[in-house]
Amino acid sequence: MDDKFYVYKWYYKDSKKIFYIGKGIKNRYKNVAHRNKKFLEIYNANPSNCAVEIIKYFDTEEEAFVYEK
């Protein structure tokens, strides 16, 4: 599945509240570098309470982009 695009979510483990939705390929979903300021503020406040999960895979980046929106 490394060559498939996907949409993923970052969320709080305790409340399951989602704080970020993104699209990516390969290991992008696990990478916390090169994120926007708001993401880093949330993540750095309590990284042990943050989790990430792939929601859905897509054949094209365009399909993933539409779903992400």
Protein backbone atom coordinates (compact mmCIF):
# COMPACT_ATOMS: atom_id res chain seq x y z
CA MET A 1 0.00 0.00 0.00
CA ASP A 2 3.04 2.30 0.01
CA ASP A 3 2.15 3.78 -3.38
CA LYS A 4 -1.46 4.54 -2.48
CA PHE A 5 -2.70 7.92 -1.33
CA TYR A 6 -4.70 8.07 1.87
CA VAL A 7 -6.51 10.39 4.24
CA TYR A 8 -5.55 10.24 7.90
CA LYS A 9 -6.56 11.79 11.20
CA TRP A 10 -4.68 12.87 14.30
CA TYR A 11 -6.79 12.71 17.45
CA TYR A 12 -6.66 12.77 21.24
CA LYS A 13 -6.54 9.26 22.70
CA ASP A 14 -8.59 10.13 25.77
CA SER A 15 -11.51 11.91 24.10
CA LYS A 16 -11.17 10.61 20.51
CA LYS A 17 -11.56 14.25 19.38
CA ILE A 18 -9.94 14.85 15.99
CA PHE A 19 -7.60 17.82 15.76
CA TYR A 20 -6.10 17.29 12.30
CA ILE A 21 -7.11 15.70 8.97
CA GLY A 22 -4.57 15.29 6.19
CA LYS A 23 -3.71 13.36 3.06
CA GLY A 24 -0.49 11.62 2.28
CA ILE A 25 1.50 8.78 0.79
CA LYS A 26 4.02 6.36 2.29
CA ASN A 27 4.78 7.31 5.94
CA ARG A 28 3.55 10.92 5.87
CA TYR A 29 0.85 10.24 8.45
CA LYS A 30 3.43 9.29 11.11
CA ASN A 31 5.73 12.24 10.48
CA VAL A 32 5.32 15.19 12.86
CA ALA A 33 8.01 17.30 11.19
CA HIS A 34 7.05 19.98 8.67
CA ARG A 35 3.62 20.55 10.23
CA ASN A 36 1.79 23.83 10.64
CA LYS A 37 2.14 25.89 13.81
CA LYS A 38 -1.29 24.97 15.19
CA PHE A 39 -0.66 21.23 14.77
CA LEU A 40 2.68 21.51 16.57
CA GLU A 41 1.14 23.50 19.44
CA ILE A 42 -1.48 20.81 19.98
CA TYR A 43 0.89 17.88 19.53
CA ASN A 44 3.72 19.30 21.65
CA ALA A 45 1.37 20.11 24.53
CA ASN A 46 0.81 16.40 25.20
CA PRO A 47 2.30 14.03 22.58
CA SER A 48 1.51 10.91 24.63
CA ASN A 49 -2.22 11.68 24.29
CA CYS A 50 -2.04 12.03 20.49
CA ALA A 51 -2.62 9.22 18.02
CA VAL A 52 -2.82 8.91 14.25
CA GLU A 53 -4.88 6.60 12.05
CA ILE A 54 -5.36 6.17 8.32
CA ILE A 55 -9.04 6.61 7.46
CA LYS A 56 -9.19 5.54 3.82
CA TYR A 57 -6.94 4.68 0.84
CA PHE A 58 -7.29 6.09 -2.70
CA ASP A 59 -5.84 5.33 -6.12
CA THR A 60 -5.17 8.99 -6.96
CA GLU A 61 -4.08 12.10 -5.10
CA GLU A 62 -7.11 13.97 -6.45
CA GLU A 63 -9.52 11.45 -4.88
CA ALA A 64 -7.68 11.75 -1.56
CA PHE A 65 -7.73 15.55 -1.76
CA VAL A 66 -11.49 15.65 -2.36
CA TYR A 67 -12.13 13.28 0.54
CA GLU A 68 -9.81 15.25 2.82
CA LYS A 69 -11.86 18.43 2.24
